[in-house]
């Protein structure tokens, strides 16, 4: 392909293998955390399953937060991203297969904590590997390709739960096989072109008079956190909100809408990422997406019919998916220290885990007394702050 001809661009083959590996991470946790783990917890805890699942979510989020920073830092110190990804993959698969060995809730929680640590042993160095290998002029394309991750995670969830395909233990084995099939190709076949300038030691300062990178990093981190809080709330309570508007709606109908959002978002994220690369405007698509998802949240707060609610959610969901994918690519552009890239990406990963700790308290505080409308208006206010943070950010060079 033409884009492979220039020495300043990463090969298309590596980008595709990397995107597949990143999707492997989503395949590892989406079916497990959304369906397989709750079913397993019900079998062990019975009527106390919701409380027990809450403990798993809380301690798992802490383990994921810690593991992302720790293993990112270790991959920085050793300079061996591929080795850490390989070790994390093997441990992730081993602990998935160990889940049936748990005979009570405490042992299952212990396995999940270990699994979260192993998953982030794979994820953190994998994210940093992209920063080591993908030049700035392709980070928009990289972000677009990362939009396949949630889509393939949803597809894998539907696949492993097909009726009659496998029993509970067999489903865990299927997830393990799918994860290995997605991540192993980049480990075995990935030969990225070297870009020494991406990995020079020290702290390169911009030569264009733009503010210090730290202020830009803080804006990017804060904007993602604000959007992720809204995303976490919708991920957990979407079905309950729809049911509050139309009690007859089914979980299958909700799942189909969720899949539709992810399907629409993939080509749009690719187009937006390519546009950002060609025009050298990496932040503008992020600001536009936050503006659109703010409108979607406002529409959700005002929706009185199921059709209006669905349309507003589609607006929010597509814009949020595009934003999160492109943001992952452009984050690599603003982290200027290659010697601590893995650690810094682990700190950025807190924007994915911290909302799981914040969101339940927001929901409990607002929904019982004021309804979902108040929650969505608050989330829209959060998102509007993200719009301001991104729209006023100096242009990156």
Protein backbone atom coordinates (compact mmCIF):
# COMPACT_ATOMS: atom_id res chain seq x y z
CA UNK A 1 0.00 0.00 0.00
CA UNK A 2 1.07 3.56 -0.67
CA UNK A 3 1.25 4.47 2.98
CA UNK A 4 3.88 1.77 3.53
CA UNK A 5 6.30 3.36 1.03
CA UNK A 6 7.46 6.27 3.16
CA UNK A 7 10.11 5.69 5.81
CA UNK A 8 8.22 7.87 8.30
CA UNK A 9 5.15 5.64 8.57
CA UNK A 10 4.60 2.41 10.45
CA UNK A 11 3.66 -0.59 8.34
CA UNK A 12 -0.01 -1.31 7.81
CA UNK A 13 0.60 -4.95 8.73
CA UNK A 14 1.85 -4.10 12.20
CA UNK A 15 -0.98 -1.62 12.79
CA UNK A 16 -3.55 -4.28 11.93
CA UNK A 17 -1.88 -6.93 14.10
CA UNK A 18 -1.66 -4.43 16.95
CA UNK A 19 -5.33 -3.48 16.63
CA UNK A 20 -6.24 -7.19 16.74
CA UNK A 21 -4.19 -7.63 19.91
CA UNK A 22 -5.86 -4.62 21.51
CA UNK A 23 -9.22 -6.17 20.64
CA UNK A 24 -8.01 -9.34 22.36
CA UNK A 25 -7.97 -7.42 25.62
CA UNK A 26 -11.64 -6.49 25.16
CA UNK A 27 -12.42 -10.11 24.30
CA UNK A 28 -10.76 -11.08 27.58
CA UNK A 29 -12.90 -8.93 29.83
CA UNK A 30 -16.21 -8.08 28.10
CA UNK A 31 -17.84 -11.56 28.06
CA UNK A 32 -16.23 -12.51 31.35
CA UNK A 33 -17.21 -9.45 33.40
CA UNK A 34 -20.63 -8.86 31.85
CA UNK A 35 -22.02 -12.42 31.74
CA UNK A 36 -19.72 -15.28 32.74
CA UNK A 37 -18.62 -13.84 36.09
CA UNK A 38 -22.13 -12.81 37.26
CA UNK A 39 -23.44 -16.29 36.40
CA UNK A 40 -20.56 -17.89 38.31
CA UNK A 41 -21.15 -15.57 41.27
CA UNK A 42 -24.85 -16.49 41.41
CA UNK A 43 -23.92 -20.16 41.49
CA UNK A 44 -21.60 -19.60 44.46
CA UNK A 45 -23.35 -16.85 46.43
CA UNK A 46 -27.02 -17.50 45.66
CA UNK A 47 -29.24 -14.64 46.81
CA UNK A 48 -26.18 -12.66 47.96
CA UNK A 49 -24.79 -12.51 44.43
CA UNK A 50 -25.29 -8.76 43.92
CA UNK A 51 -23.41 -7.90 47.11
CA UNK A 52 -20.64 -10.37 46.29
CA UNK A 53 -20.38 -9.01 42.75
CA UNK A 54 -20.03 -5.54 44.24
CA UNK A 55 -17.01 -6.70 46.24
CA UNK A 56 -15.49 -8.21 43.09
CA UNK A 57 -16.03 -5.00 41.14
CA UNK A 58 -14.50 -2.85 43.89
CA UNK A 59 -11.40 -4.95 44.55
CA UNK A 60 -11.01 -5.72 40.86
CA UNK A 61 -10.95 -2.00 40.01
CA UNK A 62 -8.25 -1.43 42.63
CA UNK A 63 -6.19 -4.33 41.24
CA UNK A 64 -6.60 -3.06 37.68
CA UNK A 65 -5.55 0.46 38.68
CA UNK A 66 -2.50 -0.79 40.55
CA UNK A 67 -1.52 -3.29 37.88
CA UNK A 68 -1.69 -0.75 35.05
CA UNK A 69 0.78 1.59 36.75
CA UNK A 70 3.04 -1.16 38.11
CA UNK A 71 3.47 -3.21 34.95
CA UNK A 72 3.70 -0.13 32.74
CA UNK A 73 6.55 1.08 34.93
CA UNK A 74 8.24 -2.33 34.92
CA UNK A 75 8.07 -2.47 31.12
CA UNK A 76 9.72 0.97 31.06
CA UNK A 77 12.52 -0.19 33.34
CA UNK A 78 13.20 -3.42 31.46
CA UNK A 79 12.59 -2.03 27.96
CA UNK A 80 10.90 -5.31 27.01
CA UNK A 81 7.26 -4.66 26.09
CA UNK A 82 6.81 -7.90 24.16
CA UNK A 83 8.01 -10.05 27.06
CA UNK A 84 5.59 -8.48 29.54
CA UNK A 85 2.69 -8.78 27.10
CA UNK A 86 3.50 -12.47 26.62
CA UNK A 87 3.69 -13.11 30.35
CA UNK A 88 0.45 -11.22 30.95
CA UNK A 89 -1.32 -13.17 28.21
CA UNK A 90 -0.27 -16.54 29.64
CA UNK A 91 -1.30 -15.61 33.18
CA UNK A 92 -4.60 -14.11 32.01
CA UNK A 93 -5.50 -17.34 30.23
CA UNK A 94 -4.34 -19.50 33.15
CA UNK A 95 -6.45 -17.57 35.66
CA UNK A 96 -9.50 -17.64 33.39
CA UNK A 97 -9.21 -21.41 33.28
CA UNK A 98 -8.74 -21.47 37.07
CA UNK A 99 -12.12 -19.83 37.75
CA UNK A 100 -13.97 -23.20 37.96
CA UNK A 101 -11.58 -24.19 40.77
CA UNK A 102 -13.11 -21.55 43.05
CA UNK A 103 -15.55 -23.27 45.41
CA UNK A 104 -16.55 -20.21 47.44
CA UNK A 105 -16.82 -16.46 47.06
CA UNK A 106 -13.51 -15.48 48.75
CA UNK A 107 -11.50 -17.82 46.52
CA UNK A 108 -13.27 -16.47 43.43
CA UNK A 109 -12.51 -12.90 44.51
CA UNK A 110 -8.85 -13.85 44.94
CA UNK A 111 -8.73 -15.33 41.43
CA UNK A 112 -10.38 -12.22 39.98
CA UNK A 113 -7.85 -9.93 41.68
CA UNK A 114 -5.03 -12.02 40.23
CA UNK A 115 -6.73 -12.04 36.83
CA UNK A 116 -7.05 -8.23 36.86
CA UNK A 117 -3.36 -7.92 37.67
CA UNK A 118 -2.45 -10.36 34.88
CA UNK A 119 -4.72 -8.61 32.39
CA UNK A 120 -3.02 -5.30 33.10
CA UNK A 121 0.37 -6.97 32.89
CA UNK A 122 -0.63 -7.54 29.27
CA UNK A 123 -2.51 -4.29 28.66
CA UNK A 124 -0.11 -1.68 30.03
CA UNK A 125 3.00 -2.75 28.05
CA UNK A 126 0.82 -3.33 24.98
CA UNK A 127 -0.40 0.27 25.11
CA UNK A 128 3.14 1.56 25.58
CA UNK A 129 4.34 -0.55 22.64
CA UNK A 130 2.14 1.54 20.33
CA UNK A 131 3.77 4.70 21.71
CA UNK A 132 7.18 3.21 20.92
CA UNK A 133 6.21 2.26 17.36
CA UNK A 134 3.55 4.55 15.86
CA UNK A 135 4.58 8.05 14.71
CA UNK A 136 2.40 11.07 15.38
CA UNK A 137 1.10 11.28 11.83
CA UNK A 138 -0.53 7.85 12.22
CA UNK A 139 -1.95 8.12 15.72
CA UNK A 140 -5.35 9.14 14.39
CA UNK A 141 -5.47 5.99 12.26
CA UNK A 142 -4.35 3.98 15.28
CA UNK A 143 -7.21 5.44 17.32
CA UNK A 144 -9.67 4.57 14.58
CA UNK A 145 -8.46 0.98 14.50
CA UNK A 146 -8.85 0.77 18.27
CA UNK A 147 -12.59 1.28 17.78
CA UNK A 148 -12.71 -2.39 16.74
CA UNK A 149 -11.91 -3.40 20.34
CA UNK A 150 -15.33 -2.78 21.94
CA UNK A 151 -17.08 -4.08 18.81
CA UNK A 152 -15.18 -7.37 18.83
CA UNK A 153 -15.65 -7.58 22.59
CA UNK A 154 -19.42 -7.43 22.07
CA UNK A 155 -19.26 -9.97 19.22
CA UNK A 156 -17.23 -12.38 21.34
CA UNK A 157 -19.77 -12.03 24.14
CA UNK A 158 -22.59 -13.01 21.79
CA UNK A 159 -20.53 -15.89 20.36
CA UNK A 160 -19.46 -17.62 23.58
CA UNK A 161 -23.00 -17.44 24.98
CA UNK A 162 -24.68 -19.06 21.98
CA UNK A 163 -27.15 -21.64 23.31
CA UNK A 164 -25.76 -25.15 23.14
CA UNK A 165 -22.23 -24.09 22.17
CA UNK A 166 -20.58 -24.74 25.52
CA UNK A 167 -21.30 -25.13 29.21
CA UNK A 168 -20.12 -22.63 31.86
CA UNK A 169 -16.57 -24.00 32.02
CA UNK A 170 -16.41 -24.42 28.27
CA UNK A 171 -17.31 -20.76 27.77
CA UNK A 172 -14.28 -19.73 29.80
CA UNK A 173 -12.11 -21.97 27.62
CA UNK A 174 -13.61 -20.39 24.49
CA UNK A 175 -12.75 -16.92 25.79
CA UNK A 176 -9.19 -18.08 26.48
CA UNK A 177 -8.83 -19.43 22.92
CA UNK A 178 -10.21 -16.21 21.39
CA UNK A 179 -7.86 -14.05 23.46
CA UNK A 180 -4.84 -16.14 22.49
CA UNK A 181 -5.88 -16.04 18.83
CA UNK A 182 -6.09 -12.24 18.92
CA UNK A 183 -2.89 -11.43 20.85
CA UNK A 184 -0.43 -14.11 19.71
CA UNK A 185 -0.17 -12.88 16.07
CA UNK A 186 1.43 -9.56 17.02
CA UNK A 187 3.77 -11.31 19.44
CA UNK A 188 4.86 -13.90 16.88
CA UNK A 189 4.67 -11.93 13.64
CA UNK A 190 4.74 -8.25 14.62
CA UNK A 191 7.94 -6.63 13.35
CA UNK A 192 7.37 -2.89 13.67
CA UNK A 193 9.61 -0.43 11.89
CA UNK A 194 11.92 1.37 14.27
CA UNK A 195 11.37 5.05 15.05
CA UNK A 196 14.34 6.08 17.23
CA UNK A 197 13.00 9.61 17.69
CA UNK A 198 9.99 8.20 19.56
CA UNK A 199 12.25 6.59 22.13
CA UNK A 200 15.01 9.11 22.76
CA UNK A 201 15.69 9.70 26.46
CA UNK A 202 14.97 13.00 28.10
CA UNK A 203 12.06 15.39 27.94
CA UNK A 204 11.78 17.05 24.54
CA UNK A 205 10.15 20.46 24.85
CA UNK A 206 7.97 21.70 21.98
CA UNK A 207 9.82 24.17 19.80
CA UNK A 208 6.73 26.10 18.81
CA UNK A 209 6.08 28.03 22.01
CA UNK A 210 3.13 25.88 23.07
CA UNK A 211 2.54 25.32 26.80
CA UNK A 212 4.48 22.71 28.69
CA UNK A 213 3.35 19.16 27.92
CA UNK A 214 2.20 18.66 31.53
CA UNK A 215 -0.69 21.12 31.14
CA UNK A 216 -1.81 19.36 27.96
CA UNK A 217 -1.56 15.96 29.63
CA UNK A 218 -3.72 17.15 32.52
CA UNK A 219 -6.38 18.39 30.08
CA UNK A 220 -6.39 15.10 28.18
CA UNK A 221 -6.57 13.04 31.39
CA UNK A 222 -9.36 15.15 32.87
CA UNK A 223 -11.44 15.15 29.67
CA UNK A 224 -11.26 11.36 29.40
CA UNK A 225 -12.18 10.89 33.05
CA UNK A 226 -15.28 13.08 32.67
CA UNK A 227 -16.43 11.16 29.60
CA UNK A 228 -15.64 7.79 31.15
CA UNK A 229 -17.84 8.56 34.17
CA UNK A 230 -20.77 8.98 31.79
CA UNK A 231 -19.80 5.87 29.83
CA UNK A 232 -19.56 3.79 33.01
CA UNK A 233 -22.99 4.96 34.19
CA UNK A 234 -24.63 4.04 30.87
CA UNK A 235 -22.81 0.70 30.69
CA UNK A 236 -24.17 -0.31 34.09
CA UNK A 237 -27.65 1.24 34.08
CA UNK A 238 -28.76 1.52 30.44
CA UNK A 239 -31.25 -1.34 30.68
CA UNK A 240 -32.72 -0.02 33.94
CA UNK A 241 -33.18 3.43 32.38
CA UNK A 242 -34.93 2.02 29.31
CA UNK A 243 -37.15 -0.07 31.57
CA UNK A 244 -38.12 3.02 33.58
CA UNK A 245 -39.49 4.52 30.33
CA UNK A 246 -40.95 1.33 28.81
CA UNK A 247 -41.32 -1.60 31.25
CA UNK A 248 -41.83 -4.11 28.44
CA UNK A 249 -38.41 -3.62 26.85
CA UNK A 250 -36.23 -6.76 26.87
CA UNK A 251 -32.56 -7.20 27.65
CA UNK A 252 -32.10 -8.61 24.14
CA UNK A 253 -33.46 -5.42 22.59
CA UNK A 254 -31.05 -3.38 24.71
CA UNK A 255 -28.11 -5.59 23.69
CA UNK A 256 -29.01 -5.19 20.01
CA UNK A 257 -29.02 -1.39 20.38
CA UNK A 258 -25.65 -1.53 22.13
CA UNK A 259 -24.23 -3.61 19.26
CA UNK A 260 -25.68 -1.19 16.70
CA UNK A 261 -23.88 1.71 18.38
CA UNK A 262 -20.54 -0.10 18.27
CA UNK A 263 -21.05 -1.11 14.64
CA UNK A 264 -21.82 2.46 13.53
CA UNK A 265 -18.88 3.85 15.49
CA UNK A 266 -16.13 1.75 13.85
CA UNK A 267 -16.14 3.24 10.31
CA UNK A 268 -16.80 6.73 11.67
CA UNK A 269 -13.81 6.45 14.03
CA UNK A 270 -11.59 5.31 11.16
CA UNK A 271 -12.69 8.26 9.01
CA UNK A 272 -12.25 10.74 11.86
CA UNK A 273 -8.81 9.34 12.70
CA UNK A 274 -7.62 9.52 9.10
CA UNK A 275 -8.94 13.07 8.82
CA UNK A 276 -7.05 14.06 11.97
CA UNK A 277 -3.81 12.64 10.54
CA UNK A 278 -4.18 14.30 7.13
CA UNK A 279 -5.08 17.72 8.51
CA UNK A 280 -2.77 17.51 11.53
CA UNK A 281 -5.68 18.39 13.83
CA UNK A 282 -5.52 15.60 16.43
CA UNK A 283 -7.63 17.28 19.11
CA UNK A 284 -10.46 18.77 17.04
CA UNK A 285 -12.32 15.45 16.51
CA UNK A 286 -12.13 14.84 20.26
CA UNK A 287 -13.68 18.22 21.01
CA UNK A 288 -16.43 17.65 18.43
CA UNK A 289 -17.23 14.21 19.85
CA UNK A 290 -17.51 15.56 23.40
CA UNK A 291 -19.87 18.26 22.15
CA UNK A 292 -22.05 15.68 20.40
CA UNK A 293 -22.13 13.28 23.33
CA UNK A 294 -23.10 16.19 25.60
CA UNK A 295 -26.10 16.79 23.34
CA UNK A 296 -26.88 13.07 23.50
CA UNK A 297 -26.87 13.09 27.29
CA UNK A 298 -29.10 16.16 27.35
CA UNK A 299 -31.48 14.44 24.95
CA UNK A 300 -31.54 11.40 27.20
CA UNK A 301 -32.47 13.59 30.17
CA UNK A 302 -35.36 15.10 28.20
CA UNK A 303 -36.58 11.88 26.54
CA UNK A 304 -40.13 10.87 27.41
CA UNK A 305 -40.68 8.07 24.88
CA UNK A 306 -38.69 4.91 24.20
CA UNK A 307 -37.93 6.01 20.62
CA UNK A 308 -36.58 9.36 21.77
CA UNK A 309 -34.53 7.62 24.45
CA UNK A 310 -33.02 5.19 21.95
CA UNK A 311 -32.15 7.93 19.46
CA UNK A 312 -30.52 10.05 22.16
CA UNK A 313 -28.54 7.06 23.39
CA UNK A 314 -27.32 6.27 19.87
CA UNK A 315 -26.04 9.84 19.54
CA UNK A 316 -24.26 9.59 22.87
CA UNK A 317 -22.96 6.05 22.36
CA UNK A 318 -21.50 6.58 18.89
CA UNK A 319 -19.82 9.86 19.86
CA UNK A 320 -18.45 8.39 23.11
CA UNK A 321 -17.05 5.30 21.36
CA UNK A 322 -15.31 7.41 18.73
CA UNK A 323 -13.96 9.76 21.40
CA UNK A 324 -12.52 6.99 23.57
CA UNK A 325 -10.88 5.25 20.61
CA UNK A 326 -9.30 8.38 19.15
CA UNK A 327 -8.31 9.63 22.59
CA UNK A 328 -6.33 6.42 23.20
CA UNK A 329 -4.29 7.10 20.07
CA UNK A 330 -3.71 10.80 20.71
CA UNK A 331 -2.75 10.23 24.35
CA UNK A 332 0.42 8.64 23.01
CA UNK A 333 1.12 11.92 21.23
CA UNK A 334 1.08 14.07 24.36
CA UNK A 335 3.13 11.76 26.61
CA UNK A 336 6.58 13.07 25.78
CA UNK A 337 8.75 10.88 28.04
CA UNK A 338 9.52 7.50 26.44
CA UNK A 339 11.45 6.39 29.53
CA UNK A 340 8.21 6.46 31.55
CA UNK A 341 5.62 5.97 28.85
CA UNK A 342 4.28 2.73 30.29
CA UNK A 343 3.91 4.19 33.77
CA UNK A 344 2.21 7.32 32.45
CA UNK A 345 -0.22 5.25 30.39
CA UNK A 346 -0.96 3.30 33.57
CA UNK A 347 -1.90 6.59 35.21
CA UNK A 348 -4.13 7.37 32.23
CA UNK A 349 -5.73 3.97 32.71
CA UNK A 350 -7.08 5.26 36.01
CA UNK A 351 -9.64 7.14 33.91
CA UNK A 352 -11.03 3.70 32.99
CA UNK A 353 -11.07 2.25 36.51
CA UNK A 354 -11.83 5.21 38.80
CA UNK A 355 -15.31 5.79 37.24
CA UNK A 356 -16.30 2.31 38.42
CA UNK A 357 -15.74 3.58 41.96
CA UNK A 358 -17.41 6.99 41.44
CA UNK A 359 -20.43 6.03 39.33
CA UNK A 360 -22.34 3.91 41.89
CA UNK A 361 -22.31 6.74 44.43
CA UNK A 362 -23.58 9.25 41.87
CA UNK A 363 -26.37 6.91 40.88
CA UNK A 364 -27.39 6.06 44.42
CA UNK A 365 -27.38 9.75 45.38
CA UNK A 366 -29.46 11.02 42.46
CA UNK A 367 -31.68 8.37 40.87
CA UNK A 368 -33.85 7.31 43.84
CA UNK A 369 -34.83 10.87 44.69
CA UNK A 370 -34.60 12.73 41.39
CA UNK A 371 -34.69 10.08 38.67
CA UNK A 372 -32.39 9.32 35.77
CA UNK A 373 -33.05 12.80 34.33
CA UNK A 374 -30.99 14.42 37.07
CA UNK A 375 -28.17 11.90 36.61
CA UNK A 376 -27.98 12.53 32.85
CA UNK A 377 -28.01 16.30 33.31
CA UNK A 378 -25.11 16.02 35.75
CA UNK A 379 -23.23 13.79 33.32
CA UNK A 380 -23.93 16.32 30.54
CA UNK A 381 -22.44 19.03 32.75
CA UNK A 382 -19.33 16.88 33.25
CA UNK A 383 -19.06 16.33 29.49
CA UNK A 384 -19.44 20.04 28.77
CA UNK A 385 -16.39 20.68 30.95
CA UNK A 386 -14.51 18.18 28.77
CA UNK A 387 -15.61 20.17 25.71
CA UNK A 388 -14.09 23.34 27.16
CA UNK A 389 -10.85 21.57 28.15
CA UNK A 390 -10.35 20.21 24.63
CA UNK A 391 -11.69 23.12 22.59
CA UNK A 392 -9.35 25.60 24.32
CA UNK A 393 -6.29 23.36 24.12
CA UNK A 394 -3.45 24.84 22.01
CA UNK A 395 -2.88 23.08 18.73
CA UNK A 396 -0.41 20.22 19.05
CA UNK A 397 2.69 20.29 16.88
